[in-house]
Amino acid sequence: MKDFIVRLGAMYTGLSFGEVMQNLGTIYESLKNLLRDNLEISINPAGKVSPEMIIEKIKEDPDKFDVIVIDYDSNLKGVSEGDNMYNSFGAAYEKLTELSLMNKLVFVGSQTKVSSWKNEIVELTDVGESSRKQHSADMIIGIGKNTDCPNHVHAINISKSRRGEIDVRSYSIRLGNGRFYPICRELYEELKKETNKIEYTEAQIKLLNDRKMQLRGSVNNLNNRTYQQLQQGSNPQAGCLANPFKTN
């Protein structure tokens, strides 16, 4: 529990883990005042809590919980027991869909296949243990990591969505305080090439990202002006299907 409070306190304050440890009492009281009764944490040994137990807990006071986070599926009782992981993992996810029918938002943490641990982009086929997870989940969000870079840059990919687009990606860097700071793709492509460990501060990343976004805006404006000039000087009878200078 103490480790959890330290990590949550670091993400809340922006301080390092060490600084939070030195001021744990004050930060803990601040967290309590902020969260009040909006967060309940249950820390249990692996293999002691089953999906059925979680569901019964929610049913005791169904109005108390809006979001349930389970970290992670391999720690659930009954999962990966025996030889058939396809069935055991699949049954756990199918059982947890009862919470969705109660209008609860459920996040379940899961490891990917060992063979995909070095993948920069986590795809739907990288889901581990049982493909029945793919069928039960409404959305699958993969957090990939460029293992050649020591600075924790991540590509986050939606590989499944029942109600939206797939292969929608965002990019981030995990800072020393545990925060995932969102960055543009241009900065992501630059940072992932670094081979030296750099302890970036949030202020430094914000500055770098702002510069990249300003540069992107300047390029887009230049391309749009060039395109307009070409249109004005072109044959008005000629058709145009798309802006060839448009950048994503």
Protein backbone atom coordinates (compact mmCIF):
# COMPACT_ATOMS: atom_id res chain seq x y z
CA MET A 1 0.00 0.00 0.00
CA LYS A 2 2.83 2.38 0.84
CA ASP A 3 4.40 1.84 -2.59
CA PHE A 4 1.05 2.61 -4.23
CA ILE A 5 0.64 5.83 -2.21
CA VAL A 6 4.18 6.93 -3.11
CA ARG A 7 3.58 6.39 -6.84
CA LEU A 8 0.16 8.05 -6.73
CA GLY A 9 1.61 10.94 -4.74
CA ALA A 10 4.40 11.43 -7.29
CA MET A 11 1.94 11.52 -10.19
CA TYR A 12 -0.30 13.90 -8.23
CA THR A 13 2.40 16.37 -7.17
CA GLY A 14 4.91 15.98 -10.00
CA LEU A 15 7.66 15.36 -7.44
CA SER A 16 10.13 12.49 -7.66
CA PHE A 17 9.51 9.27 -5.73
CA GLY A 18 12.30 10.21 -3.33
CA GLU A 19 10.82 13.65 -2.63
CA VAL A 20 7.41 12.10 -2.00
CA MET A 21 8.94 9.64 0.49
CA GLN A 22 10.50 12.55 2.38
CA ASN A 23 7.15 14.35 2.60
CA LEU A 24 4.83 11.34 2.65
CA GLY A 25 2.67 12.40 5.59
CA THR A 26 1.79 15.81 4.15
CA ILE A 27 1.21 14.46 0.62
CA TYR A 28 -0.92 11.59 1.95
CA GLU A 29 -3.20 14.03 3.78
CA SER A 30 -3.45 16.15 0.64
CA LEU A 31 -4.40 13.08 -1.41
CA LYS A 32 -7.09 12.13 1.10
CA ASN A 33 -8.58 15.62 0.97
CA LEU A 34 -8.60 15.52 -2.83
CA LEU A 35 -9.95 11.99 -3.36
CA ARG A 36 -12.18 11.66 -0.25
CA ASP A 37 -14.27 8.48 -0.82
CA ASN A 38 -13.83 8.46 -4.62
CA LEU A 39 -11.05 5.87 -4.58
CA GLU A 40 -11.03 2.46 -2.92
CA ILE A 41 -7.93 0.27 -3.17
CA SER A 42 -7.72 -3.46 -2.54
CA ILE A 43 -4.26 -5.04 -2.51
CA ASN A 44 -4.27 -8.82 -2.37
CA PRO A 45 -1.87 -11.73 -2.89
CA ALA A 46 -1.96 -13.24 -6.38
CA GLY A 47 -4.50 -15.99 -6.86
CA LYS A 48 -6.75 -14.99 -3.94
CA VAL A 49 -9.42 -12.86 -5.66
CA SER A 50 -11.67 -14.26 -8.38
CA PRO A 51 -13.83 -12.41 -10.92
CA GLU A 52 -16.87 -13.66 -8.98
CA MET A 53 -15.59 -12.05 -5.77
CA ILE A 54 -15.09 -8.71 -7.52
CA ILE A 55 -18.60 -8.81 -8.95
CA GLU A 56 -20.12 -9.64 -5.55
CA LYS A 57 -18.19 -6.75 -4.00
CA ILE A 58 -19.66 -4.32 -6.54
CA LYS A 59 -23.17 -5.73 -6.07
CA GLU A 60 -23.01 -4.96 -2.33
CA ASP A 61 -23.16 -1.24 -3.13
CA PRO A 62 -23.64 -0.83 -6.91
CA ASP A 63 -23.91 2.96 -6.77
CA LYS A 64 -20.54 3.31 -5.06
CA PHE A 65 -18.35 2.36 -8.02
CA ASP A 66 -18.28 3.81 -11.53
CA VAL A 67 -14.87 2.52 -12.72
CA ILE A 68 -13.14 -0.74 -11.79
CA VAL A 69 -9.44 -1.32 -12.54
CA ILE A 70 -8.04 -4.85 -12.25
CA ASP A 71 -4.25 -5.11 -12.36
CA TYR A 72 -3.78 -7.61 -13.75
CA ASP A 73 -5.62 -10.60 -15.18
CA SER A 74 -2.95 -13.24 -14.40
CA ASN A 75 -3.32 -12.43 -10.68
CA LEU A 76 -6.98 -13.50 -10.63
CA LYS A 77 -7.92 -16.70 -8.87
CA GLY A 78 -8.67 -19.53 -11.29
CA VAL A 79 -6.83 -17.89 -14.18
CA SER A 80 -3.95 -19.84 -15.76
CA GLU A 81 -4.65 -22.77 -13.44
CA GLY A 82 -4.39 -26.08 -15.26
CA ASP A 83 -3.23 -26.58 -18.80
CA ASN A 84 -5.85 -24.66 -20.77
CA MET A 85 -5.15 -20.93 -20.56
CA TYR A 86 -7.46 -20.33 -23.53
CA ASN A 87 -10.44 -21.43 -21.44
CA SER A 88 -9.41 -20.05 -18.04
CA PHE A 89 -8.55 -16.54 -19.24
CA GLY A 90 -11.53 -16.46 -21.57
CA ALA A 91 -13.94 -17.47 -18.81
CA ALA A 92 -12.58 -14.73 -16.51
CA TYR A 93 -13.13 -12.00 -19.10
CA GLU A 94 -16.57 -13.27 -20.00
CA LYS A 95 -17.52 -13.26 -16.31
CA LEU A 96 -16.31 -9.67 -15.90
CA THR A 97 -18.64 -8.52 -18.67
CA GLU A 98 -21.34 -8.71 -15.98
CA LEU A 99 -19.89 -5.45 -14.67
CA SER A 100 -20.34 -3.83 -18.07
CA LEU A 101 -24.00 -4.86 -18.00
CA MET A 102 -24.22 -2.98 -14.68
CA ASN A 103 -23.03 0.15 -16.54
CA LYS A 104 -19.56 0.01 -14.98
CA LEU A 105 -16.42 0.94 -16.89
CA VAL A 106 -13.92 -1.89 -16.43
CA PHE A 107 -10.20 -1.78 -17.22
CA VAL A 108 -8.22 -5.01 -17.02
CA GLY A 109 -4.44 -4.93 -17.21
CA SER A 110 -2.85 -7.72 -19.26
CA GLN A 111 0.56 -8.78 -20.49
CA THR A 112 1.14 -9.27 -24.19
CA LYS A 113 2.81 -12.29 -25.74
CA VAL A 114 6.48 -12.59 -24.80
CA SER A 115 7.40 -12.46 -28.48
CA SER A 116 5.87 -8.97 -28.74
CA TRP A 117 7.54 -7.35 -25.73
CA LYS A 118 9.93 -5.47 -28.01
CA ASN A 119 7.19 -4.29 -30.38
CA GLU A 120 6.92 -0.54 -30.71
CA ILE A 121 3.24 -0.85 -31.67
CA VAL A 122 1.05 -3.37 -29.83
CA GLU A 123 -1.40 -4.96 -32.25
CA LEU A 124 -4.54 -7.01 -31.63
CA THR A 125 -2.65 -10.22 -32.44
CA ASP A 126 -0.22 -9.47 -29.58
CA VAL A 127 -2.87 -10.19 -26.93
CA GLY A 128 -1.50 -13.01 -24.78
CA GLU A 129 -2.81 -16.25 -23.25
CA SER A 130 -6.27 -16.43 -24.84
CA SER A 131 -7.81 -14.98 -27.99
CA ARG A 132 -11.13 -15.04 -26.10
CA LYS A 133 -9.96 -11.79 -24.49
CA GLN A 134 -10.22 -10.19 -27.91
CA HIS A 135 -13.83 -11.29 -28.26
CA SER A 136 -14.94 -10.13 -24.79
CA ALA A 137 -13.27 -6.71 -24.74
CA ASP A 138 -15.05 -3.67 -26.16
CA MET A 139 -11.74 -1.87 -26.57
CA ILE A 140 -8.11 -2.98 -26.47
CA ILE A 141 -5.45 -0.35 -25.80
CA GLY A 142 -1.85 -1.43 -26.24
CA ILE A 143 1.07 0.44 -24.67
CA GLY A 144 4.19 -0.29 -26.69
CA LYS A 145 7.72 0.71 -25.78
CA ASN A 146 10.78 1.34 -27.89
CA THR A 147 13.26 -0.89 -26.06
CA ASP A 148 16.27 0.61 -27.85
CA CYS A 149 15.63 3.93 -26.08
CA PRO A 150 16.29 4.14 -22.31
CA ASN A 151 13.99 7.13 -21.83
CA HIS A 152 10.59 5.38 -21.67
CA VAL A 153 8.93 6.69 -24.81
CA HIS A 154 5.68 4.90 -25.60
CA ALA A 155 3.28 4.51 -28.51
CA ILE A 156 -0.30 3.90 -27.38
CA ASN A 157 -2.47 2.13 -29.93
CA ILE A 158 -6.20 1.30 -29.98
CA SER A 159 -6.21 -2.05 -31.77
CA LYS A 160 -9.88 -2.81 -31.16
CA SER A 161 -12.93 -0.60 -30.67
CA ARG A 162 -16.54 -1.65 -31.05
CA ARG A 163 -17.70 1.94 -31.29
CA GLY A 164 -14.88 3.80 -32.99
CA GLU A 165 -11.82 3.71 -35.19
CA ILE A 166 -8.95 1.28 -34.77
CA ASP A 167 -5.21 1.87 -35.12
CA VAL A 168 -5.63 5.28 -33.49
CA ARG A 169 -2.32 6.20 -31.88
CA SER A 170 -0.95 8.68 -29.41
CA TYR A 171 2.56 9.12 -28.04
CA SER A 172 4.00 9.83 -24.61
CA ILE A 173 7.08 9.76 -22.42
CA ARG A 174 6.97 8.38 -18.89
CA LEU A 175 8.76 10.78 -16.59
CA GLY A 176 10.59 10.10 -13.33
CA ASN A 177 7.44 10.90 -11.35
CA GLY A 178 5.46 8.17 -13.12
CA ARG A 179 3.43 10.55 -15.28
CA PHE A 180 2.80 9.68 -18.93
CA TYR A 181 3.29 13.06 -20.59
CA PRO A 182 1.66 13.27 -24.05
CA ILE A 183 3.92 14.36 -26.90
CA CYS A 184 3.50 14.86 -30.63
CA ARG A 185 4.70 12.27 -33.08
CA GLU A 186 7.59 14.45 -34.27
CA LEU A 187 9.06 14.65 -30.77
CA TYR A 188 8.41 10.94 -30.22
CA GLU A 189 10.38 10.06 -33.37
CA GLU A 190 13.23 12.25 -32.18
CA LEU A 191 13.34 11.02 -28.58
CA LYS A 192 13.21 7.32 -29.47
CA LYS A 193 16.54 7.67 -31.30
CA GLU A 194 18.36 8.69 -28.12
CA THR A 195 20.69 6.08 -26.69
CA ASN A 196 21.66 7.92 -23.49
CA LYS A 197 19.55 8.02 -20.35
CA ILE A 198 18.26 11.56 -19.76
CA GLU A 199 16.16 12.51 -16.74
CA TYR A 200 13.82 14.94 -18.47
CA THR A 201 11.72 17.22 -16.34
CA GLU A 202 8.11 17.93 -17.23
CA ALA A 203 9.02 21.55 -18.03
CA GLN A 204 11.73 20.42 -20.47
CA ILE A 205 9.39 18.03 -22.30
CA LYS A 206 6.67 20.68 -22.50
CA LEU A 207 9.14 23.12 -24.03
CA LEU A 208 10.41 20.58 -26.57
CA ASN A 209 6.88 19.54 -27.49
CA ASP A 210 5.67 23.14 -27.87
CA ARG A 211 8.55 23.85 -30.26
CA LYS A 212 7.69 20.80 -32.38
CA MET A 213 4.03 21.79 -32.50
CA GLN A 214 4.92 25.35 -33.53
CA LEU A 215 7.17 23.99 -36.27
CA ARG A 216 4.36 21.70 -37.47
CA GLY A 217 1.99 24.69 -37.58
CA SER A 218 4.49 26.72 -39.60
CA VAL A 219 4.96 23.88 -42.10
CA ASN A 220 1.19 23.41 -42.47
CA ASN A 221 0.69 27.15 -43.05
CA LEU A 222 3.45 27.21 -45.66
CA ASN A 223 2.00 24.19 -47.46
CA ASN A 224 -1.49 25.69 -47.48
CA ARG A 225 -0.23 28.99 -48.92
CA THR A 226 1.76 27.13 -51.58
CA TYR A 227 -1.29 25.06 -52.47
CA GLN A 228 -3.48 28.17 -52.76
CA GLN A 229 -0.91 29.84 -55.00
CA LEU A 230 -0.79 26.78 -57.25
CA GLN A 231 -4.58 26.77 -57.46
CA GLN A 232 -4.70 30.43 -58.40
CA GLY A 233 -2.15 29.94 -61.16
CA SER A 234 -3.57 26.67 -62.48
CA ASN A 235 -6.15 25.98 -65.17
CA PRO A 236 -9.57 26.68 -63.62
CA GLN A 237 -11.03 23.86 -65.72
CA ALA A 238 -8.67 21.31 -64.20
CA GLY A 239 -9.92 19.21 -61.31
CA CYS A 240 -8.20 18.70 -58.01
CA LEU A 241 -8.82 15.65 -55.88
CA ALA A 242 -6.68 16.40 -52.82
CA ASN A 243 -4.12 18.75 -51.33
CA PRO A 244 -0.80 17.12 -52.24
CA PHE A 245 1.02 19.19 -49.61
CA LYS A 246 -1.20 18.35 -46.66
CA THR A 247 0.68 16.85 -43.73
CA ASN A 248 -0.72 14.63 -40.99
